[in-house]
Amino acid sequence: MKQLLATIVALFVGFFVLVSSLFFAVGLSIVGFIMSKTHNRKMKENGDKEARIIEGEYSEVTHS
């Protein structure tokens, strides 16, 4: 009887974890899709040249 109860609880917990992870994955995917669209729109507004500048020091690398 204890094994049956433990099995039922384990299946319930496992099902709950799978369903909740599915909700998180779908929700985060939707949020990421929306954020990428708004980020792309902001990048186009700022101009491509300004967005691609990486500030920092430059040092030449030679291969010998």
C-alpha atoms as a PDB file:
ATOM      1  CA  MET A   1       0.000   0.000   0.000  1.00  0.00           C
ATOM      2  CA  LYS A   2       2.850   2.380   0.821  1.00  0.00           C
ATOM      3  CA  GLN A   3       4.456   1.678  -2.550  1.00  0.00           C
ATOM      4  CA  LEU A   4       1.211   2.460  -4.376  1.00  0.00           C
ATOM      5  CA  LEU A   5       0.802   5.729  -2.490  1.00  0.00           C
ATOM      6  CA  ALA A   6       4.438   6.678  -3.114  1.00  0.00           C
ATOM      7  CA  THR A   7       4.042   5.858  -6.803  1.00  0.00           C
ATOM      8  CA  ILE A   8       0.916   7.987  -7.114  1.00  0.00           C
ATOM      9  CA  VAL A   9       2.567  10.923  -5.333  1.00  0.00           C
ATOM     10  CA  ALA A  10       5.697  10.602  -7.491  1.00  0.00           C
ATOM     11  CA  LEU A  11       3.622  10.531 -10.685  1.00  0.00           C
ATOM     12  CA  PHE A  12       1.616  13.551  -9.552  1.00  0.00           C
ATOM     13  CA  VAL A  13       4.750  15.523  -8.688  1.00  0.00           C
ATOM     14  CA  GLY A  14       6.432  14.515 -11.947  1.00  0.00           C
ATOM     15  CA  PHE A  15       3.396  15.527 -13.981  1.00  0.00           C
ATOM     16  CA  PHE A  16       3.209  18.856 -12.146  1.00  0.00           C
ATOM     17  CA  VAL A  17       6.896  19.551 -12.836  1.00  0.00           C
ATOM     18  CA  LEU A  18       6.541  18.726 -16.526  1.00  0.00           C
ATOM     19  CA  VAL A  19       3.454  20.894 -16.972  1.00  0.00           C
ATOM     20  CA  SER A  20       4.912  23.839 -15.069  1.00  0.00           C
ATOM     21  CA  SER A  21       8.163  23.650 -17.053  1.00  0.00           C
ATOM     22  CA  LEU A  22       6.118  23.661 -20.258  1.00  0.00           C
ATOM     23  CA  PHE A  23       4.299  26.808 -19.132  1.00  0.00           C
ATOM     24  CA  PHE A  24       7.599  28.483 -18.249  1.00  0.00           C
ATOM     25  CA  ALA A  25       9.198  27.491 -21.566  1.00  0.00           C
ATOM     26  CA  VAL A  26       6.275  28.737 -23.647  1.00  0.00           C
ATOM     27  CA  GLY A  27       5.940  31.925 -21.609  1.00  0.00           C
ATOM     28  CA  LEU A  28       9.632  32.764 -21.784  1.00  0.00           C
ATOM     29  CA  SER A  29       9.682  32.026 -25.509  1.00  0.00           C
ATOM     30  CA  ILE A  30       6.846  34.457 -26.108  1.00  0.00           C
ATOM     31  CA  VAL A  31       8.508  37.125 -23.953  1.00  0.00           C
ATOM     32  CA  GLY A  32      11.822  36.599 -25.769  1.00  0.00           C
ATOM     33  CA  PHE A  33      10.143  36.884 -29.159  1.00  0.00           C
ATOM     34  CA  ILE A  34       8.438  40.144 -28.180  1.00  0.00           C
ATOM     35  CA  MET A  35      11.639  41.555 -26.681  1.00  0.00           C
ATOM     36  CA  SER A  36      13.646  40.689 -29.799  1.00  0.00           C
ATOM     37  CA  LYS A  37      11.140  42.525 -31.964  1.00  0.00           C
ATOM     38  CA  THR A  38      11.298  45.652 -29.781  1.00  0.00           C
ATOM     39  CA  HIS A  39      15.109  45.431 -29.626  1.00  0.00           C
ATOM     40  CA  ASN A  40      15.346  45.213 -33.423  1.00  0.00           C
ATOM     41  CA  ARG A  41      13.044  48.205 -33.761  1.00  0.00           C
ATOM     42  CA  LYS A  42      15.207  50.250 -31.369  1.00  0.00           C
ATOM     43  CA  MET A  43      18.366  49.230 -33.238  1.00  0.00           C
ATOM     44  CA  LYS A  44      16.895  50.470 -36.514  1.00  0.00           C
ATOM     45  CA  GLU A  45      15.868  53.765 -34.919  1.00  0.00           C
ATOM     46  CA  ASN A  46      19.371  54.395 -33.491  1.00  0.00           C
ATOM     47  CA  GLY A  47      21.100  53.591 -36.749  1.00  0.00           C
ATOM     48  CA  ASP A  48      23.188  50.596 -37.619  1.00  0.00           C
ATOM     49  CA  LYS A  49      26.566  52.387 -37.484  1.00  0.00           C
ATOM     50  CA  GLU A  50      26.196  53.490 -33.878  1.00  0.00           C
ATOM     51  CA  ALA A  51      24.940  50.103 -32.764  1.00  0.00           C
ATOM     52  CA  ARG A  52      27.960  48.223 -34.140  1.00  0.00           C
ATOM     53  CA  ILE A  53      30.659  50.308 -32.445  1.00  0.00           C
ATOM     54  CA  ILE A  54      32.627  48.487 -29.766  1.00  0.00           C
ATOM     55  CA  GLU A  55      34.543  50.823 -27.519  1.00  0.00           C
ATOM     56  CA  GLY A  56      37.901  49.828 -26.115  1.00  0.00           C
ATOM     57  CA  GLU A  57      41.593  49.704 -26.825  1.00  0.00           C
ATOM     58  CA  TYR A  58      42.967  48.387 -30.082  1.00  0.00           C
ATOM     59  CA  SER A  59      46.088  46.321 -30.338  1.00  0.00           C
ATOM     60  CA  GLU A  60      47.359  44.710 -33.492  1.00  0.00           C
ATOM     61  CA  VAL A  61      47.676  40.944 -33.431  1.00  0.00           C
ATOM     62  CA  THR A  62      50.386  39.464 -35.628  1.00  0.00           C
ATOM     63  CA  HIS A  63      50.597  35.803 -36.517  1.00  0.00           C
ATOM     64  CA  SER A  64      54.152  34.536 -36.899  1.00  0.00           C
END
